[in-house]
Amino acid sequence: MMRCGDLVQPLINLMRDKLLEAPLVHFDETVTQVLYTKKGSELKSVPLVLHVGSGCRTRS
């Protein structure tokens, strides 16, 4: 029996290859609070967001 990760690995590899071909890649690793508990502690997550573009745009 195959696991889900094994089934989607070809798609992940293709997405990585296309990402690495791009002339510009922007990474955002902003820490995000995702859970509160009754004790007041919190769980933090770092979602990795990738944006691929062909050039830089600036605001004038």
Protein backbone atom coordinates (compact mmCIF):
# COMPACT_ATOMS: atom_id res chain seq x y z
CA MET A 1 0.00 0.00 0.00
CA MET A 2 1.37 3.41 -0.96
CA ARG A 3 1.24 6.34 1.40
CA CYS A 4 -0.04 9.75 0.41
CA GLY A 5 3.47 11.23 0.51
CA ASP A 6 4.69 8.62 -1.96
CA LEU A 7 1.82 9.44 -4.30
CA VAL A 8 2.38 13.20 -4.34
CA GLN A 9 6.20 13.10 -4.45
CA PRO A 10 6.36 13.33 -8.28
CA LEU A 11 4.21 16.48 -8.13
CA ILE A 12 6.40 17.98 -5.40
CA ASN A 13 9.52 17.23 -7.45
CA LEU A 14 8.01 18.89 -10.53
CA MET A 15 7.02 21.98 -8.53
CA ARG A 16 10.55 22.22 -7.06
CA ASP A 17 12.14 21.92 -10.51
CA LYS A 18 9.92 24.66 -11.94
CA LEU A 19 10.66 26.86 -8.94
CA LEU A 20 14.41 26.50 -9.37
CA GLU A 21 14.14 27.44 -13.07
CA ALA A 22 12.62 30.83 -12.21
CA PRO A 23 14.76 33.98 -12.50
CA LEU A 24 13.35 35.37 -9.24
CA VAL A 25 12.06 33.55 -6.15
CA HIS A 26 10.74 35.25 -2.98
CA PHE A 27 10.58 33.31 0.30
CA ASP A 28 8.52 34.42 3.29
CA GLU A 29 9.03 32.61 6.58
CA THR A 30 6.91 34.73 8.91
CA VAL A 31 6.27 33.09 12.29
CA THR A 32 2.51 32.74 12.85
CA GLN A 33 0.67 31.96 16.06
CA VAL A 34 -1.71 29.11 15.30
CA LEU A 35 -3.04 27.81 18.60
CA TYR A 36 -3.97 29.06 22.07
CA THR A 37 -4.33 26.67 24.99
CA LYS A 38 -6.06 27.11 28.34
CA LYS A 39 -2.65 27.36 30.00
CA GLY A 40 -1.82 30.38 27.87
CA SER A 41 0.92 28.71 25.92
CA GLU A 42 0.84 28.99 22.18
CA LEU A 43 1.94 26.92 19.26
CA LYS A 44 3.89 28.78 16.59
CA SER A 45 4.17 27.72 13.00
CA VAL A 46 6.39 28.92 10.19
CA PRO A 47 4.52 28.51 6.93
CA LEU A 48 6.93 28.70 4.01
CA VAL A 49 5.46 30.81 1.23
CA LEU A 50 7.19 30.86 -2.15
CA HIS A 51 6.44 33.36 -4.88
CA VAL A 52 7.97 33.07 -8.33
CA GLY A 53 8.21 36.09 -10.61
CA SER A 54 10.04 37.28 -13.69
CA GLY A 55 11.28 40.58 -12.32
CA CYS A 56 11.09 43.19 -9.59
CA ARG A 57 8.38 45.80 -9.48
CA THR A 58 8.82 48.91 -7.37
CA ARG A 59 6.26 51.46 -6.30
CA SER A 60 7.08 55.09 -7.15
